[in-house]
Amino acid sequence: MKFFRYLWDVLRDTSTPLWVTLLGVGLSAYGAYKITPAINHELEKQKVRTEFVIRNMDSLNGKTQELLAELSIANRKIVEGEKGFGDNVDKATRLTTELQWKAVELSAVLQDDKSRQVLMEFQRTLDEVHTAVQNIKAPDSAFSALQKVRAFIPASLAVTRRIAELSSIRFD
């Protein structure tokens, strides 16, 4: 307590001793060379983490929407008897492959048990979609593929939710 009283008196005094000035300069230099870079490093890590989360959530969402749209178009074309649905099936196949790679990429980052379970369900339902998409030949198989995608959407949302949870993002 006496030290703080002495320090208070010294700082209030108009003629500050040289040792206080040198201590202030030393603390300022320490802050400039040690504390500020540490804070910047933490902010940069948070920026990278946020970018990763945003990029992956956007990618998952966009590819899932695009997959559903392509299969809906293919389904409509098949039901109406059009022959040009092959391009939509090819694009849907490409999207399922990209989503499978996204799952592999995420498994390298999300390594806790709960994340593994979510990713396993994501991959399982995505494999079912991939197989169903490759088997599209007639209205029944196109409708089946569309149903598989609809069953896949909750797994995709679960992965998005898990990424958000681990990044401390809340959707209220």
N, C-alpha and C. Protein backbone atom coordinates (compact mmCIF):
# COMPACT_ATOMS: atom_id res chain seq x y z
N MET A 1 0.82 -1.19 0.00
CA MET A 1 0.00 0.00 0.00
C MET A 1 0.87 1.26 0.00
N LYS A 2 1.96 1.20 0.77
CA LYS A 2 2.86 2.35 0.83
C LYS A 2 3.47 2.63 -0.54
N PHE A 3 3.78 1.55 -1.29
CA PHE A 3 4.36 1.72 -2.61
C PHE A 3 3.40 2.45 -3.54
N PHE A 4 2.14 2.06 -3.53
CA PHE A 4 1.15 2.70 -4.40
C PHE A 4 0.92 4.16 -4.00
N ARG A 5 0.97 4.42 -2.72
CA ARG A 5 0.84 5.80 -2.24
C ARG A 5 2.03 6.64 -2.73
N TYR A 6 3.23 6.06 -2.62
CA TYR A 6 4.43 6.74 -3.09
C TYR A 6 4.34 6.98 -4.60
N LEU A 7 3.92 5.95 -5.34
CA LEU A 7 3.80 6.06 -6.79
C LEU A 7 2.79 7.15 -7.16
N TRP A 8 1.69 7.19 -6.46
CA TRP A 8 0.67 8.20 -6.72
C TRP A 8 1.23 9.60 -6.47
N ASP A 9 1.95 9.76 -5.38
CA ASP A 9 2.55 11.06 -5.07
C ASP A 9 3.57 11.47 -6.13
N VAL A 10 4.38 10.52 -6.59
CA VAL A 10 5.39 10.81 -7.60
C VAL A 10 4.73 11.22 -8.91
N LEU A 11 3.70 10.52 -9.30
CA LEU A 11 3.03 10.83 -10.55
C LEU A 11 2.26 12.15 -10.51
N ARG A 12 1.77 12.52 -9.35
CA ARG A 12 1.06 13.78 -9.21
C ARG A 12 2.01 14.98 -9.15
N ASP A 13 3.20 14.72 -8.72
CA ASP A 13 4.19 15.78 -8.58
C ASP A 13 4.56 16.32 -9.97
N THR A 14 4.81 17.61 -10.05
CA THR A 14 5.13 18.22 -11.35
C THR A 14 6.56 17.95 -11.78
N SER A 15 7.40 17.60 -10.87
CA SER A 15 8.79 17.30 -11.24
C SER A 15 9.01 15.79 -11.10
N THR A 16 8.72 15.06 -12.17
CA THR A 16 8.82 13.60 -12.16
C THR A 16 10.29 13.20 -12.18
N PRO A 17 10.67 12.26 -11.32
CA PRO A 17 12.07 11.82 -11.29
C PRO A 17 12.44 11.10 -12.60
N LEU A 18 13.70 11.06 -12.88
CA LEU A 18 14.21 10.44 -14.10
C LEU A 18 13.87 8.96 -14.16
N TRP A 19 13.92 8.26 -13.04
CA TRP A 19 13.64 6.81 -13.05
C TRP A 19 12.21 6.52 -13.48
N VAL A 20 11.26 7.40 -13.17
CA VAL A 20 9.87 7.20 -13.58
C VAL A 20 9.76 7.39 -15.09
N THR A 21 10.45 8.39 -15.61
CA THR A 21 10.44 8.63 -17.05
C THR A 21 11.05 7.45 -17.79
N LEU A 22 12.20 6.96 -17.29
CA LEU A 22 12.84 5.82 -17.92
C LEU A 22 11.97 4.56 -17.83
N LEU A 23 11.31 4.36 -16.71
CA LEU A 23 10.41 3.23 -16.56
C LEU A 23 9.25 3.33 -17.56
N GLY A 24 8.71 4.52 -17.72
CA GLY A 24 7.63 4.74 -18.69
C GLY A 24 8.08 4.46 -20.11
N VAL A 25 9.29 4.93 -20.45
CA VAL A 25 9.83 4.66 -21.79
C VAL A 25 10.05 3.16 -21.97
N GLY A 26 10.58 2.50 -20.96
CA GLY A 26 10.82 1.05 -21.03
C GLY A 26 9.53 0.27 -21.20
N LEU A 27 8.51 0.63 -20.43
CA LEU A 27 7.22 -0.05 -20.55
C LEU A 27 6.59 0.22 -21.93
N SER A 28 6.74 1.42 -22.42
CA SER A 28 6.22 1.74 -23.76
C SER A 28 6.92 0.93 -24.83
N ALA A 29 8.23 0.82 -24.71
CA ALA A 29 8.99 0.03 -25.69
C ALA A 29 8.60 -1.45 -25.61
N TYR A 30 8.45 -1.96 -24.40
CA TYR A 30 8.03 -3.35 -24.24
C TYR A 30 6.66 -3.58 -24.88
N GLY A 31 5.76 -2.65 -24.62
CA GLY A 31 4.42 -2.75 -25.21
C GLY A 31 4.46 -2.71 -26.73
N ALA A 32 5.31 -1.82 -27.26
CA ALA A 32 5.39 -1.68 -28.72
C ALA A 32 6.01 -2.90 -29.39
N TYR A 33 6.97 -3.54 -28.74
CA TYR A 33 7.69 -4.64 -29.37
C TYR A 33 7.21 -6.02 -28.97
N LYS A 34 6.48 -6.13 -27.87
CA LYS A 34 6.04 -7.45 -27.41
C LYS A 34 4.51 -7.57 -27.37
N ILE A 35 3.85 -6.66 -26.71
CA ILE A 35 2.41 -6.78 -26.51
C ILE A 35 1.64 -6.50 -27.79
N THR A 36 1.96 -5.45 -28.49
CA THR A 36 1.24 -5.10 -29.72
C THR A 36 1.35 -6.19 -30.78
N PRO A 37 2.53 -6.76 -31.05
CA PRO A 37 2.59 -7.85 -32.02
C PRO A 37 1.79 -9.09 -31.57
N ALA A 38 1.77 -9.36 -30.28
CA ALA A 38 1.00 -10.50 -29.78
C ALA A 38 -0.50 -10.27 -30.02
N ILE A 39 -0.95 -9.06 -29.78
CA ILE A 39 -2.37 -8.73 -30.03
C ILE A 39 -2.66 -8.83 -31.52
N ASN A 40 -1.78 -8.29 -32.35
CA ASN A 40 -1.97 -8.37 -33.81
C ASN A 40 -1.99 -9.82 -34.29
N HIS A 41 -1.13 -10.65 -33.70
CA HIS A 41 -1.08 -12.07 -34.08
C HIS A 41 -2.42 -12.75 -33.75
N GLU A 42 -2.96 -12.48 -32.58
CA GLU A 42 -4.25 -13.06 -32.20
C GLU A 42 -5.37 -12.56 -33.11
N LEU A 43 -5.34 -11.29 -33.44
CA LEU A 43 -6.37 -10.75 -34.34
C LEU A 43 -6.25 -11.36 -35.73
N GLU A 44 -5.04 -11.59 -36.20
CA GLU A 44 -4.83 -12.20 -37.51
C GLU A 44 -5.32 -13.65 -37.51
N LYS A 45 -5.05 -14.39 -36.41
CA LYS A 45 -5.55 -15.75 -36.31
C LYS A 45 -7.07 -15.77 -36.34
N GLN A 46 -7.69 -14.83 -35.64
CA GLN A 46 -9.15 -14.75 -35.63
C GLN A 46 -9.68 -14.41 -37.02
N LYS A 47 -8.98 -13.54 -37.73
CA LYS A 47 -9.38 -13.17 -39.09
C LYS A 47 -9.32 -14.38 -40.02
N VAL A 48 -8.26 -15.17 -39.92
CA VAL A 48 -8.11 -16.37 -40.75
C VAL A 48 -9.20 -17.38 -40.41
N ARG A 49 -9.45 -17.56 -39.12
CA ARG A 49 -10.49 -18.48 -38.67
C ARG A 49 -11.85 -18.05 -39.20
N THR A 50 -12.15 -16.77 -39.10
CA THR A 50 -13.43 -16.25 -39.57
C THR A 50 -13.56 -16.43 -41.08
N GLU A 51 -12.49 -16.16 -41.81
CA GLU A 51 -12.50 -16.34 -43.27
C GLU A 51 -12.75 -17.80 -43.64
N PHE A 52 -12.11 -18.72 -42.92
CA PHE A 52 -12.31 -20.14 -43.16
C PHE A 52 -13.77 -20.52 -42.93
N VAL A 53 -14.32 -20.06 -41.84
CA VAL A 53 -15.72 -20.38 -41.50
C VAL A 53 -16.66 -19.83 -42.57
N ILE A 54 -16.50 -18.58 -42.91
CA ILE A 54 -17.38 -17.95 -43.89
C ILE A 54 -17.26 -18.65 -45.24
N ARG A 55 -16.04 -18.92 -45.67
CA ARG A 55 -15.82 -19.56 -46.96
C ARG A 55 -16.45 -20.95 -47.01
N ASN A 56 -16.25 -21.74 -45.95
CA ASN A 56 -16.79 -23.10 -45.93
C ASN A 56 -18.30 -23.12 -45.81
N MET A 57 -18.85 -22.25 -44.99
CA MET A 57 -20.31 -22.20 -44.87
C MET A 57 -20.94 -21.77 -46.18
N ASP A 58 -20.34 -20.80 -46.83
CA ASP A 58 -20.85 -20.33 -48.11
C ASP A 58 -20.73 -21.42 -49.18
N SER A 59 -19.61 -22.11 -49.20
CA SER A 59 -19.39 -23.17 -50.17
C SER A 59 -20.38 -24.32 -49.99
N LEU A 60 -20.53 -24.78 -48.75
CA LEU A 60 -21.49 -25.86 -48.48
C LEU A 60 -22.90 -25.46 -48.88
N ASN A 61 -23.29 -24.29 -48.48
CA ASN A 61 -24.63 -23.81 -48.78
C ASN A 61 -24.84 -23.67 -50.29
N GLY A 62 -23.91 -23.04 -50.97
CA GLY A 62 -24.04 -22.82 -52.40
C GLY A 62 -24.07 -24.10 -53.21
N LYS A 63 -23.16 -25.03 -52.88
CA LYS A 63 -23.10 -26.29 -53.62
C LYS A 63 -24.35 -27.15 -53.36
N THR A 64 -24.86 -27.13 -52.14
CA THR A 64 -26.07 -27.89 -51.83
C THR A 64 -27.27 -27.30 -52.57
N GLN A 65 -27.39 -25.97 -52.59
CA GLN A 65 -28.48 -25.33 -53.33
C GLN A 65 -28.37 -25.64 -54.82
N GLU A 66 -27.18 -25.56 -55.35
CA GLU A 66 -26.97 -25.81 -56.77
C GLU A 66 -27.29 -27.26 -57.13
N LEU A 67 -26.91 -28.18 -56.25
CA LEU A 67 -27.20 -29.60 -56.46
C LEU A 67 -28.71 -29.84 -56.50
N LEU A 68 -29.41 -29.27 -55.55
CA LEU A 68 -30.87 -29.41 -55.52
C LEU A 68 -31.50 -28.81 -56.77
N ALA A 69 -31.01 -27.67 -57.20
CA ALA A 69 -31.55 -27.02 -58.40
C ALA A 69 -31.30 -27.88 -59.64
N GLU A 70 -30.09 -28.40 -59.79
CA GLU A 70 -29.77 -29.23 -60.97
C GLU A 70 -30.63 -30.48 -61.02
N LEU A 71 -30.82 -31.10 -59.86
CA LEU A 71 -31.66 -32.30 -59.85
C LEU A 71 -33.12 -31.97 -60.08
N SER A 72 -33.56 -30.84 -59.61
CA SER A 72 -34.95 -30.42 -59.87
C SER A 72 -35.16 -30.20 -61.37
N ILE A 73 -34.19 -29.57 -62.01
CA ILE A 73 -34.28 -29.33 -63.46
C ILE A 73 -34.25 -30.66 -64.22
N ALA A 74 -33.33 -31.55 -63.83
CA ALA A 74 -33.25 -32.86 -64.48
C ALA A 74 -34.56 -33.63 -64.30
N ASN A 75 -35.11 -33.56 -63.10
CA ASN A 75 -36.37 -34.24 -62.81
C ASN A 75 -37.49 -33.70 -63.70
N ARG A 76 -37.57 -32.39 -63.81
CA ARG A 76 -38.60 -31.77 -64.65
C ARG A 76 -38.44 -32.18 -66.11
N LYS A 77 -37.21 -32.17 -66.60
CA LYS A 77 -36.95 -32.54 -67.99
C LYS A 77 -37.33 -34.00 -68.25
N ILE A 78 -37.00 -34.88 -67.32
CA ILE A 78 -37.33 -36.30 -67.49
C ILE A 78 -38.84 -36.51 -67.50
N VAL A 79 -39.53 -35.86 -66.56
CA VAL A 79 -40.99 -36.00 -66.48
C VAL A 79 -41.66 -35.49 -67.75
N GLU A 80 -41.13 -34.41 -68.31
CA GLU A 80 -41.70 -33.83 -69.53
C GLU A 80 -41.22 -34.54 -70.79
N GLY A 81 -40.39 -35.55 -70.65
CA GLY A 81 -39.94 -36.33 -71.79
C GLY A 81 -38.81 -35.70 -72.58
N GLU A 82 -38.17 -34.68 -72.06
CA GLU A 82 -37.04 -34.05 -72.75
C GLU A 82 -35.81 -34.96 -72.66
N LYS A 83 -34.96 -34.85 -73.63
CA LYS A 83 -33.76 -35.69 -73.69
C LYS A 83 -32.52 -35.00 -73.13
N GLY A 84 -32.52 -33.68 -72.94
CA GLY A 84 -31.33 -32.93 -72.56
C GLY A 84 -31.06 -32.86 -71.08
N PHE A 85 -31.42 -33.89 -70.32
CA PHE A 85 -31.20 -33.84 -68.87
C PHE A 85 -29.80 -34.32 -68.48
N GLY A 86 -29.05 -34.88 -69.42
CA GLY A 86 -27.71 -35.41 -69.13
C GLY A 86 -26.75 -34.36 -68.60
N ASP A 87 -26.84 -33.14 -69.13
CA ASP A 87 -25.96 -32.07 -68.64
C ASP A 87 -26.24 -31.75 -67.18
N ASN A 88 -27.52 -31.76 -66.81
CA ASN A 88 -27.89 -31.49 -65.42
C ASN A 88 -27.41 -32.61 -64.50
N VAL A 89 -27.51 -33.84 -64.97
CA VAL A 89 -27.04 -34.98 -64.19
C VAL A 89 -25.51 -34.91 -64.04
N ASP A 90 -24.82 -34.56 -65.12
CA ASP A 90 -23.36 -34.42 -65.05
C ASP A 90 -22.95 -33.34 -64.06
N LYS A 91 -23.66 -32.22 -64.11
CA LYS A 91 -23.34 -31.13 -63.18
C LYS A 91 -23.63 -31.54 -61.73
N ALA A 92 -24.74 -32.27 -61.52
CA ALA A 92 -25.07 -32.75 -60.18
C ALA A 92 -24.01 -33.74 -59.68
N THR A 93 -23.52 -34.58 -60.58
CA THR A 93 -22.46 -35.52 -60.22
C THR A 93 -21.19 -34.77 -59.83
N ARG A 94 -20.86 -33.75 -60.61
CA ARG A 94 -19.69 -32.92 -60.29
C ARG A 94 -19.85 -32.26 -58.92
N LEU A 95 -21.05 -31.76 -58.64
CA LEU A 95 -21.30 -31.10 -57.36
C LEU A 95 -21.19 -32.08 -56.19
N THR A 96 -21.68 -33.31 -56.37
CA THR A 96 -21.55 -34.28 -55.28
C THR A 96 -20.08 -34.61 -55.04
N THR A 97 -19.31 -34.68 -56.10
CA THR A 97 -17.87 -34.94 -55.96
C THR A 97 -17.19 -33.78 -55.23
N GLU A 98 -17.55 -32.54 -55.58
CA GLU A 98 -16.97 -31.38 -54.90
C GLU A 98 -17.36 -31.37 -53.42
N LEU A 99 -18.60 -31.74 -53.12
CA LEU A 99 -19.03 -31.80 -51.72
C LEU A 99 -18.31 -32.92 -50.97
N GLN A 100 -18.03 -34.03 -51.65
CA GLN A 100 -17.27 -35.10 -51.01
C GLN A 100 -15.86 -34.62 -50.67
N TRP A 101 -15.25 -33.86 -51.56
CA TRP A 101 -13.92 -33.32 -51.28
C TRP A 101 -13.99 -32.31 -50.13
N LYS A 102 -15.05 -31.52 -50.09
CA LYS A 102 -15.24 -30.56 -49.01
C LYS A 102 -15.30 -31.29 -47.67
N ALA A 103 -15.96 -32.45 -47.65
CA ALA A 103 -16.04 -33.25 -46.42
C ALA A 103 -14.65 -33.73 -46.00
N VAL A 104 -13.84 -34.16 -46.96
CA VAL A 104 -12.48 -34.59 -46.66
C VAL A 104 -11.68 -33.42 -46.10
N GLU A 105 -11.82 -32.27 -46.73
CA GLU A 105 -11.12 -31.06 -46.29
C GLU A 105 -11.53 -30.69 -44.87
N LEU A 106 -12.82 -30.74 -44.59
CA LEU A 106 -13.31 -30.39 -43.26
C LEU A 106 -12.88 -31.41 -42.21
N SER A 107 -12.76 -32.67 -42.60
CA SER A 107 -12.36 -33.70 -41.63
C SER A 107 -10.93 -33.47 -41.14
N ALA A 108 -10.13 -32.78 -41.94
CA ALA A 108 -8.77 -32.45 -41.50
C ALA A 108 -8.77 -31.35 -40.45
N VAL A 109 -9.84 -30.57 -40.40
CA VAL A 109 -9.91 -29.44 -39.47
C VAL A 109 -10.79 -29.77 -38.26
N LEU A 110 -11.92 -30.41 -38.51
CA LEU A 110 -12.88 -30.73 -37.44
C LEU A 110 -12.58 -32.14 -36.95
N GLN A 111 -11.81 -32.25 -35.88
CA GLN A 111 -11.32 -33.57 -35.47
C GLN A 111 -11.87 -34.06 -34.15
N ASP A 112 -12.76 -33.33 -33.50
CA ASP A 112 -13.33 -33.82 -32.25
C ASP A 112 -14.41 -34.87 -32.56
N ASP A 113 -14.82 -35.63 -31.54
CA ASP A 113 -15.76 -36.74 -31.75
C ASP A 113 -17.10 -36.30 -32.32
N LYS A 114 -17.64 -35.22 -31.78
CA LYS A 114 -18.95 -34.75 -32.27
C LYS A 114 -18.86 -34.34 -33.74
N SER A 115 -17.78 -33.65 -34.10
CA SER A 115 -17.58 -33.23 -35.49
C SER A 115 -17.44 -34.43 -36.41
N ARG A 116 -16.71 -35.45 -35.94
CA ARG A 116 -16.55 -36.66 -36.75
C ARG A 116 -17.89 -37.33 -37.02
N GLN A 117 -18.75 -37.37 -36.01
CA GLN A 117 -20.08 -37.98 -36.18
C GLN A 117 -20.90 -37.18 -37.20
N VAL A 118 -20.85 -35.86 -37.08
CA VAL A 118 -21.59 -35.01 -38.02
C VAL A 118 -21.06 -35.20 -39.44
N LEU A 119 -19.75 -35.24 -39.58
CA LEU A 119 -19.15 -35.42 -40.91
C LEU A 119 -19.42 -36.82 -41.48
N MET A 120 -19.45 -37.82 -40.62
CA MET A 120 -19.76 -39.19 -41.08
C MET A 120 -21.17 -39.25 -41.64
N GLU A 121 -22.12 -38.62 -40.96
CA GLU A 121 -23.50 -38.59 -41.46
C GLU A 121 -23.58 -37.80 -42.76
N PHE A 122 -22.85 -36.69 -42.82
CA PHE A 122 -22.78 -35.89 -44.04
C PHE A 122 -22.27 -36.74 -45.20
N GLN A 123 -21.18 -37.45 -44.98
CA GLN A 123 -20.59 -38.27 -46.04
C GLN A 123 -21.48 -39.45 -46.41
N ARG A 124 -22.12 -40.07 -45.42
CA ARG A 124 -23.01 -41.20 -45.70
C ARG A 124 -24.17 -40.77 -46.60
N THR A 125 -24.85 -39.69 -46.22
CA THR A 125 -25.99 -39.23 -47.03
C THR A 125 -25.53 -38.70 -48.38
N LEU A 126 -24.36 -38.09 -48.41
CA LEU A 126 -23.83 -37.59 -49.68
C LEU A 126 -23.48 -38.75 -50.62
N ASP A 127 -22.95 -39.84 -50.07
CA ASP A 127 -22.67 -41.03 -50.90
C ASP A 127 -23.97 -41.58 -51.50
N GLU A 128 -25.03 -41.57 -50.71
CA GLU A 128 -26.33 -42.02 -51.23
C GLU A 128 -26.80 -41.12 -52.36
N VAL A 129 -26.61 -39.81 -52.20
CA VAL A 129 -26.98 -38.86 -53.26
C VAL A 129 -26.15 -39.13 -54.50
N HIS A 130 -24.85 -39.29 -54.32
CA HIS A 130 -23.94 -39.51 -55.45
C HIS A 130 -24.36 -40.75 -56.25
N THR A 131 -24.64 -41.84 -55.55
CA THR A 131 -25.07 -43.07 -56.20
C THR A 131 -26.40 -42.87 -56.92
N ALA A 132 -27.34 -42.20 -56.25
CA ALA A 132 -28.65 -41.97 -56.86
C ALA A 132 -28.54 -41.08 -58.10
N VAL A 133 -27.68 -40.08 -58.05
CA VAL A 133 -27.50 -39.18 -59.20
C VAL A 133 -26.91 -39.96 -60.38
N GLN A 134 -25.95 -40.81 -60.12
CA GLN A 134 -25.33 -41.58 -61.20
C GLN A 134 -26.30 -42.57 -61.83
N ASN A 135 -27.35 -42.95 -61.11
CA ASN A 135 -28.32 -43.92 -61.61
C ASN A 135 -29.54 -43.28 -62.28
N ILE A 136 -29.53 -41.98 -62.47
CA ILE A 136 -30.69 -41.31 -63.07
C ILE A 136 -30.80 -41.72 -64.54
N LYS A 137 -31.94 -42.34 -64.84
CA LYS A 137 -32.23 -42.74 -66.21
C LYS A 137 -33.69 -42.49 -66.58
N ALA A 138 -34.56 -42.51 -65.57
CA ALA A 138 -36.00 -42.42 -65.79
C ALA A 138 -36.63 -41.58 -64.69
N PRO A 139 -37.92 -41.28 -64.81
CA PRO A 139 -38.58 -40.47 -63.78
C PRO A 139 -38.45 -41.02 -62.36
N ASP A 140 -38.54 -42.33 -62.20
CA ASP A 140 -38.44 -42.91 -60.86
C ASP A 140 -37.06 -42.68 -60.25
N SER A 141 -36.02 -42.91 -61.04
CA SER A 141 -34.66 -42.72 -60.52
C SER A 141 -34.36 -41.24 -60.29
N ALA A 142 -34.92 -40.36 -61.12
CA ALA A 142 -34.72 -38.91 -60.93
C ALA A 142 -35.41 -38.46 -59.65
N PHE A 143 -36.61 -38.95 -59.42
CA PHE A 143 -37.34 -38.59 -58.21
C PHE A 143 -36.62 -39.14 -56.98
N SER A 144 -36.08 -40.35 -57.08
CA SER A 144 -35.34 -40.94 -55.98
C SER A 144 -34.11 -40.10 -55.64
N ALA A 145 -33.41 -39.63 -56.66
CA ALA A 145 -32.23 -38.79 -56.44
C ALA A 145 -32.63 -37.47 -55.76
N LEU A 146 -33.74 -36.93 -56.19
CA LEU A 146 -34.23 -35.69 -55.58
C LEU A 146 -34.57 -35.92 -54.11
N GLN A 147 -35.17 -37.05 -53.81
CA GLN A 147 -35.49 -37.39 -52.42
C GLN A 147 -34.21 -37.57 -51.59
N LYS A 148 -33.19 -38.16 -52.19
CA LYS A 148 -31.91 -38.36 -51.48
C LYS A 148 -31.27 -37.00 -51.16
N VAL A 149 -31.38 -36.06 -52.10
CA VAL A 149 -30.83 -34.72 -51.84
C VAL A 149 -31.60 -34.06 -50.71
N ARG A 150 -32.90 -34.20 -50.73
CA ARG A 150 -33.70 -33.62 -49.64
C ARG A 150 -33.35 -34.25 -48.29
N ALA A 151 -33.02 -35.53 -48.29
CA ALA A 151 -32.59 -36.19 -47.06
C ALA A 151 -31.17 -35.77 -46.67
N PHE A 152 -30.39 -35.33 -47.64
CA PHE A 152 -29.01 -34.90 -47.41
C PHE A 152 -28.94 -33.50 -46.79
N ILE A 153 -29.91 -32.66 -47.08
CA ILE A 153 -29.89 -31.26 -46.63
C ILE A 153 -29.73 -31.13 -45.11
N PRO A 154 -30.46 -31.90 -44.28
CA PRO A 154 -30.22 -31.78 -42.83
C PRO A 154 -28.78 -32.10 -42.42
N ALA A 155 -28.15 -33.06 -43.08
CA ALA A 155 -26.74 -33.38 -42.77
C ALA A 155 -25.83 -32.22 -43.15
N SER A 156 -26.14 -31.57 -44.27
CA SER A 156 -25.36 -30.41 -44.70
C SER A 156 -25.53 -29.26 -43.70
N LEU A 157 -26.75 -29.07 -43.25
CA LEU A 157 -27.00 -28.02 -42.25
C LEU A 157 -26.32 -28.35 -40.91
N ALA A 158 -26.26 -29.63 -40.56
CA ALA A 158 -25.59 -30.03 -39.33
C ALA A 158 -24.09 -29.70 -39.38
N VAL A 159 -23.48 -29.91 -40.54
CA VAL A 159 -22.05 -29.56 -40.69
C VAL A 159 -21.88 -28.05 -40.56
N THR A 160 -22.76 -27.29 -41.21
CA THR A 160 -22.70 -25.83 -41.11
C THR A 160 -22.86 -25.38 -39.66
N ARG A 161 -23.83 -25.98 -38.97
CA ARG A 161 -24.06 -25.66 -37.56
C ARG A 161 -22.84 -25.99 -36.72
N ARG A 162 -22.20 -27.12 -37.00
CA ARG A 162 -21.03 -27.54 -36.23
C ARG A 162 -19.86 -26.58 -36.44
N ILE A 163 -19.65 -26.17 -37.68
CA ILE A 163 -18.60 -25.20 -37.96
C ILE A 163 -18.89 -23.90 -37.19
N ALA A 164 -20.13 -23.48 -37.21
CA ALA A 164 -20.51 -22.26 -36.50
C ALA A 164 -20.31 -22.41 -35.00
N GLU A 165 -20.69 -23.56 -34.44
CA GLU A 165 -20.51 -23.80 -33.00
C GLU A 165 -19.04 -23.70 -32.62
N LEU A 166 -18.19 -24.36 -33.37
CA LEU A 166 -16.77 -24.36 -33.05
C LEU A 166 -16.14 -22.98 -33.24
N SER A 167 -16.78 -22.14 -34.02
CA SER A 167 -16.27 -20.80 -34.25
C SER A 167 -16.94 -19.75 -33.37
N SER A 168 -17.78 -20.24 -32.46
CA SER A 168 -18.51 -19.36 -31.53
C SER A 168 -19.45 -18.40 -32.24
N ILE A 169 -20.01 -18.84 -33.35
CA ILE A 169 -21.02 -18.05 -34.05
C ILE A 169 -22.37 -18.59 -33.62
N ARG A 170 -23.26 -17.70 -33.24
CA ARG A 170 -24.59 -18.11 -32.77
C ARG A 170 -25.65 -17.65 -33.74
N PHE A 171 -26.55 -18.55 -34.06
CA PHE A 171 -27.70 -18.23 -34.89
C PHE A 171 -28.93 -18.27 -34.00
N ASP A 172 -29.37 -17.12 -33.55
CA ASP A 172 -30.54 -17.07 -32.66
C ASP A 172 -31.78 -16.66 -33.41
